[in-house]
Amino acid sequence: IVDDDLNWFELVARQRLYQVIEAACTVFALFGNELYMRYAPKKYDVYLDAITMTVFCFFAFDIVVQHNLHRSYKCSVRFWLDLIATAMLLPSVTFIFEAIVASAPEQVVSVLVQGTAARATR
């Protein structure tokens, strides 16, 4: 029996697996990157980059899901917080960070380098 009242995005968001993945991605975004940079050797950065990009893609997908589920989400405070938090994952990816450093003004680079100073301690 198919419930005609549920759209595809609602079906996805209600799945237990989706909720578990969302929780795991949130924990990684909050703590994983910093713990990894502190304790893992630099030679494993490619794995951190892959995980970070996967989390970024999941959060970008989640923004689309929330946008389609809740009319009030569009341009709400939560939308902007989600968008900024998702975008802030990108400077953690090595090749993106290097591209920003190569093309950004010195002041922007200074802020980014301070934010990723843990890389230098390894």
Foldseek 3Di string as FASTA:
>chain_A
DDDPVDDPLNVQVPDPVLVVVLVVLVCCLVPVLLVCLQPPDPVCLVVVLVSLVVSLVSLVVVLVSVVVPDVVLVPDPVSVVSVVSSVVSQCSRVVSVVVCCVPDDPVVNVVSCVVVVSNVVD
